[in-house]
Amino acid sequence: MPEGPELHMASRYVNRVCAGVVFSGAVEKSEVSKNPEVPFASEAYRISATSRGKEMRLTLTPIEGEDSKDGGETGDPQPMDVVFRFGMSGFFRFTPEDELPKHAHLRFYTRERPRQALSFVDIRRFGTWEPNGNWQPERGPCIMFEYHSFRENVLLNLLDRAFDRPICEALLNQKYFNGIGNYLRAEILYRLKIPPFVKARTVLDGLLLKDHAEKNAKRAKEESTPVQVSEMSLSKKVKVKRETPDLLSLCHTVPLEVLQLGTILTV
């Protein structure tokens, strides 16, 4: 199942293959997909992508003036965001029109001839898309790119019943661990030698005390050595993060390691 790193790599892939490409026409949905139609059409538009945890958003942006120039009476259409959740097997591919993947359930066609298509491919059809969609509000901050908000969201909500569950179950709760899935969970628990069925709150309680202690130490150092605070605190923070990782810091750094590996393999 695609997890946070795979969603982000998919967004980078879309941005790379769509850079400078002009798309045209209506968005085409396969007949077998039960997802909604995407009510968007434009004579010329561009596609960009961004990700957050286990969601990815395509932004369809009409090129100003192109639709009215071609005889449209209503002027340029409005930009549209389409939010994707990949399910068990979703991914994107950019191919010639006559080489569409078998399970391409949503297709965006280029204006150039011969046409090419950006397709959302989903063999098992568990993936979804939402036209005019937003990030799901019940999902927490992204583990990779909103680390401080993610950490705070977990530690300030430890009384939630979600943390009565074993840590192996809590790590899959996207309200708090947006982007974590099975393989990341397994790697993180293995590195820290944490038994998977220990209560989540038992594992995380100590981190709240640790954060308070670090904040107090930082405040004391700032008061005693105000001139050197900025440089020293940053270097020490990086060093501590590398030498003494905890569960929440690994929820951040392990996915970033996956991204780094993915970058190396695609170069």
Protein backbone atom coordinates (compact mmCIF):
# COMPACT_ATOMS: atom_id res chain seq x y z
CA MET A 1 0.00 0.00 0.00
CA PRO A 2 1.43 3.43 -0.91
CA GLU A 3 2.45 5.40 2.18
CA GLY A 4 3.54 8.99 2.73
CA PRO A 5 6.85 8.73 0.82
CA GLU A 6 5.18 7.08 -2.18
CA LEU A 7 2.52 9.80 -2.34
CA HIS A 8 5.21 12.47 -2.27
CA MET A 9 7.29 10.70 -4.92
CA ALA A 10 4.15 10.48 -7.06
CA SER A 11 3.66 14.25 -6.73
CA ARG A 12 7.28 14.84 -7.76
CA TYR A 13 6.81 12.50 -10.73
CA VAL A 14 3.72 14.41 -11.88
CA ASN A 15 5.49 17.76 -11.54
CA ARG A 16 8.46 16.45 -13.51
CA VAL A 17 6.58 14.92 -16.46
CA CYS A 18 4.04 17.77 -16.62
CA ALA A 19 6.56 20.59 -16.50
CA GLY A 20 5.92 22.80 -19.54
CA VAL A 21 3.18 20.48 -20.87
CA VAL A 22 -0.17 21.93 -21.94
CA PHE A 23 -3.25 19.76 -21.41
CA SER A 24 -6.55 20.21 -23.22
CA GLY A 25 -10.14 19.00 -23.27
CA ALA A 26 -12.23 17.22 -20.69
CA VAL A 27 -10.97 14.87 -18.00
CA GLU A 28 -11.88 11.30 -18.93
CA LYS A 29 -13.02 8.64 -16.44
CA SER A 30 -13.09 4.91 -17.16
CA GLU A 31 -16.51 3.26 -17.42
CA VAL A 32 -15.80 0.76 -14.65
CA SER A 33 -14.66 3.24 -11.99
CA LYS A 34 -17.20 4.07 -9.29
CA ASN A 35 -15.46 7.35 -8.48
CA PRO A 36 -17.15 10.61 -9.54
CA GLU A 37 -16.71 12.37 -12.85
CA VAL A 38 -14.31 15.30 -12.78
CA PRO A 39 -16.35 18.22 -14.19
CA PHE A 40 -13.46 20.12 -15.71
CA ALA A 41 -12.73 21.06 -19.33
CA SER A 42 -10.42 23.66 -20.80
CA GLU A 43 -8.83 24.36 -24.15
CA ALA A 44 -5.47 24.74 -22.42
CA TYR A 45 -4.44 24.06 -18.84
CA ARG A 46 -1.50 22.93 -16.77
CA ILE A 47 -1.21 20.32 -14.04
CA SER A 48 0.79 20.52 -10.82
CA ALA A 49 0.82 18.26 -7.77
CA THR A 50 1.52 18.36 -4.04
CA SER A 51 1.18 15.78 -1.28
CA ARG A 52 0.34 15.72 2.42
CA GLY A 53 0.65 12.44 4.31
CA LYS A 54 -1.40 9.81 2.49
CA GLU A 55 -3.14 12.28 0.16
CA MET A 56 -2.07 13.88 -3.11
CA ARG A 57 -3.63 16.90 -4.79
CA LEU A 58 -3.62 17.69 -8.50
CA THR A 59 -4.26 21.33 -9.36
CA LEU A 60 -5.69 21.95 -12.85
CA THR A 61 -4.96 25.54 -13.84
CA PRO A 62 -6.41 27.00 -17.07
CA ILE A 63 -4.02 29.13 -19.11
CA GLU A 64 -5.42 32.64 -19.03
CA GLY A 65 -7.11 33.78 -22.23
CA GLU A 66 -6.90 30.46 -24.10
CA ASP A 67 -10.57 29.43 -23.68
CA SER A 68 -12.07 32.81 -24.59
CA LYS A 69 -9.64 33.05 -27.52
CA ASP A 70 -11.06 29.83 -28.95
CA GLY A 71 -14.62 31.11 -28.95
CA GLY A 72 -15.81 30.31 -25.41
CA GLU A 73 -18.63 32.58 -24.27
CA THR A 74 -18.20 32.13 -20.54
CA GLY A 75 -14.51 33.01 -20.39
CA ASP A 76 -11.81 30.96 -18.73
CA PRO A 77 -12.87 28.09 -16.44
CA GLN A 78 -11.81 28.21 -12.81
CA PRO A 79 -8.87 26.19 -11.46
CA MET A 80 -9.81 22.90 -9.82
CA ASP A 81 -8.14 20.79 -7.15
CA VAL A 82 -8.60 17.03 -7.34
CA VAL A 83 -7.54 15.18 -4.18
CA PHE A 84 -6.42 11.54 -4.54
CA ARG A 85 -6.10 8.75 -2.00
CA PHE A 86 -4.19 5.86 -3.54
CA GLY A 87 -5.83 2.90 -1.77
CA MET A 88 -3.88 -0.34 -2.15
CA SER A 89 -2.26 0.15 -5.55
CA GLY A 90 -2.76 3.62 -7.03
CA PHE A 91 -0.06 5.46 -9.00
CA PHE A 92 0.36 7.89 -11.93
CA ARG A 93 1.79 7.26 -15.39
CA PHE A 94 2.47 9.54 -18.36
CA THR A 95 2.24 7.67 -21.67
CA PRO A 96 1.30 8.07 -25.33
CA GLU A 97 -2.49 7.86 -25.87
CA ASP A 98 -2.19 4.53 -27.68
CA GLU A 99 -0.21 3.01 -24.78
CA LEU A 100 -2.60 3.71 -21.92
CA PRO A 101 -2.13 1.34 -18.94
CA LYS A 102 -4.87 -1.25 -18.63
CA HIS A 103 -6.25 0.12 -15.38
CA ALA A 104 -6.02 3.86 -16.16
CA HIS A 105 -9.21 5.04 -14.45
CA LEU A 106 -8.75 8.81 -14.78
CA ARG A 107 -7.02 10.43 -17.75
CA PHE A 108 -5.79 13.94 -18.57
CA TYR A 109 -4.85 14.46 -22.26
CA THR A 110 -2.23 16.79 -23.69
CA ARG A 111 -2.98 19.31 -26.43
CA GLU A 112 -0.04 18.26 -28.59
CA ARG A 113 -0.40 15.67 -31.33
CA PRO A 114 0.07 12.76 -31.09
CA ARG A 115 -1.63 13.08 -27.72
CA GLN A 116 -0.19 11.83 -24.46
CA ALA A 117 -2.04 11.18 -21.23
CA LEU A 118 -1.40 11.51 -17.52
CA SER A 119 -3.31 8.60 -15.99
CA PHE A 120 -4.26 7.58 -12.48
CA VAL A 121 -3.72 3.82 -12.55
CA ASP A 122 -5.36 1.64 -9.91
CA ILE A 123 -5.39 -2.10 -10.47
CA ARG A 124 -7.43 -3.00 -7.37
CA ARG A 125 -9.72 0.05 -7.58
CA PHE A 126 -9.51 0.94 -3.87
CA GLY A 127 -8.16 4.41 -4.68
CA THR A 128 -10.44 7.45 -4.69
CA TRP A 129 -10.46 10.99 -6.03
CA GLU A 130 -12.48 14.02 -4.99
CA PRO A 131 -13.11 16.90 -7.46
CA ASN A 132 -12.91 20.31 -5.78
CA GLY A 133 -11.51 18.41 -2.84
CA ASN A 134 -9.56 19.43 0.24
CA TRP A 135 -7.22 17.64 2.60
CA GLN A 136 -9.38 15.50 4.89
CA PRO A 137 -9.78 17.49 8.13
CA GLU A 138 -9.66 14.35 10.28
CA ARG A 139 -6.11 13.62 9.13
CA GLY A 140 -3.30 15.01 11.24
CA PRO A 141 -0.25 17.00 10.13
CA CYS A 142 2.12 15.35 7.66
CA ILE A 143 4.85 13.26 9.29
CA MET A 144 7.43 14.43 6.72
CA PHE A 145 6.79 18.13 6.10
CA GLU A 146 4.89 19.28 9.19
CA TYR A 147 7.03 17.58 11.80
CA HIS A 148 6.69 20.04 14.67
CA SER A 149 2.90 20.23 14.25
CA PHE A 150 2.77 16.43 13.96
CA ARG A 151 4.76 15.93 17.16
CA GLU A 152 2.71 18.49 19.06
CA ASN A 153 -0.56 16.96 17.82
CA VAL A 154 0.42 13.58 19.24
CA LEU A 155 1.85 14.71 22.58
CA LEU A 156 -0.97 17.12 23.38
CA ASN A 157 -3.59 14.44 22.79
CA LEU A 158 -2.19 11.47 24.69
CA LEU A 159 -5.40 11.18 26.72
CA ASP A 160 -7.28 10.30 23.53
CA ARG A 161 -8.59 6.71 23.56
CA ALA A 162 -6.59 6.09 20.38
CA PHE A 163 -3.51 5.77 22.61
CA ASP A 164 -5.14 3.04 24.71
CA ARG A 165 -4.48 0.79 21.71
CA PRO A 166 -1.24 -1.15 21.13
CA ILE A 167 1.46 0.99 19.55
CA CYS A 168 1.33 -1.13 16.37
CA GLU A 169 -2.32 -0.10 15.90
CA ALA A 170 -1.94 3.52 16.99
CA LEU A 171 0.78 4.12 14.41
CA LEU A 172 -1.75 3.46 11.64
CA ASN A 173 -4.20 6.06 12.97
CA GLN A 174 -4.04 8.82 10.34
CA LYS A 175 -5.53 11.34 12.77
CA TYR A 176 -2.13 11.35 14.45
CA PHE A 177 0.30 9.57 12.10
CA ASN A 178 -0.65 10.90 8.68
CA GLY A 179 1.58 9.06 6.21
CA ILE A 180 2.58 6.01 8.27
CA GLY A 181 1.63 2.58 6.95
CA ASN A 182 2.68 -1.02 7.44
CA TYR A 183 6.30 -1.01 6.27
CA LEU A 184 7.18 2.28 7.98
CA ARG A 185 5.55 1.09 11.21
CA ALA A 186 7.52 -2.16 11.12
CA GLU A 187 10.85 -0.40 10.46
CA ILE A 188 10.34 2.21 13.20
CA LEU A 189 9.38 -0.32 15.88
CA TYR A 190 12.25 -2.61 14.85
CA ARG A 191 14.87 0.14 15.09
CA LEU A 192 13.74 1.11 18.58
CA LYS A 193 13.20 -2.52 19.69
CA ILE A 194 9.67 -1.64 20.87
CA PRO A 195 7.32 -4.62 21.32
CA PRO A 196 4.38 -4.01 18.96
CA PHE A 197 1.62 -4.73 21.51
CA VAL A 198 2.77 -2.33 24.23
CA LYS A 199 0.14 0.33 24.94
CA ALA A 200 0.82 3.40 22.81
CA ARG A 201 0.51 5.80 25.74
CA THR A 202 3.17 3.86 27.66
CA VAL A 203 5.61 4.38 24.78
CA LEU A 204 4.80 8.05 24.26
CA ASP A 205 4.35 9.38 27.82
CA GLY A 206 8.07 9.82 28.35
CA LEU A 207 8.40 11.92 25.21
CA LEU A 208 6.18 14.63 26.64
CA LEU A 209 8.49 14.93 29.66
CA LYS A 210 11.50 14.87 27.35
CA ASP A 211 10.15 17.74 25.23
CA HIS A 212 9.38 19.81 28.33
CA ALA A 213 12.89 19.20 29.66
CA GLU A 214 14.48 20.22 26.34
CA LYS A 215 12.38 23.39 26.16
CA ASN A 216 13.35 24.33 29.72
CA ALA A 217 17.03 23.67 29.00
CA LYS A 218 16.85 25.74 25.82
CA ARG A 219 15.15 28.60 27.64
CA ALA A 220 17.78 28.55 30.37
CA LYS A 221 20.59 28.61 27.81
CA GLU A 222 18.98 31.48 25.93
CA GLU A 223 18.81 33.51 29.12
CA SER A 224 22.45 32.83 30.01
CA THR A 225 24.04 33.12 26.53
CA PRO A 226 21.73 35.25 24.37
CA VAL A 227 24.31 36.04 21.68
CA GLN A 228 25.12 32.42 20.74
CA VAL A 229 21.65 30.90 21.07
CA SER A 230 20.63 30.67 17.41
CA GLU A 231 23.71 28.88 16.05
CA MET A 232 24.36 26.63 19.02
CA SER A 233 20.79 25.51 19.56
CA LEU A 234 20.40 24.53 15.90
CA SER A 235 23.60 22.46 15.81
CA LYS A 236 22.76 20.77 19.10
CA LYS A 237 19.22 20.05 17.93
CA VAL A 238 20.48 18.29 14.81
CA LYS A 239 23.05 16.33 16.83
CA VAL A 240 20.51 15.20 19.44
CA LYS A 241 18.05 14.16 16.75
CA ARG A 242 20.66 11.93 15.11
CA GLU A 243 22.14 10.44 18.27
CA THR A 244 19.00 9.87 20.35
CA PRO A 245 16.05 9.25 18.03
CA ASP A 246 12.67 8.57 19.60
CA LEU A 247 9.54 7.09 18.09
CA LEU A 248 8.14 10.40 16.85
CA SER A 249 11.43 11.58 15.37
CA LEU A 250 11.78 8.27 13.51
CA CYS A 251 8.23 8.72 12.17
CA HIS A 252 9.73 11.79 10.50
CA THR A 253 13.24 10.68 9.50
CA VAL A 254 12.55 7.14 8.25
CA PRO A 255 10.10 8.38 5.56
CA LEU A 256 12.69 10.99 4.55
CA GLU A 257 15.23 8.18 4.15
CA VAL A 258 12.78 6.47 1.78
CA LEU A 259 12.49 9.68 -0.23
CA GLN A 260 16.27 9.92 -0.42
CA LEU A 261 16.52 6.34 -1.64
CA GLY A 262 13.80 6.97 -4.19
CA THR A 263 15.68 10.01 -5.49
CA ILE A 264 18.90 8.01 -5.86
CA LEU A 265 17.14 5.19 -7.72
CA THR A 266 15.45 7.54 -10.20
CA VAL A 267 18.56 9.57 -11.04
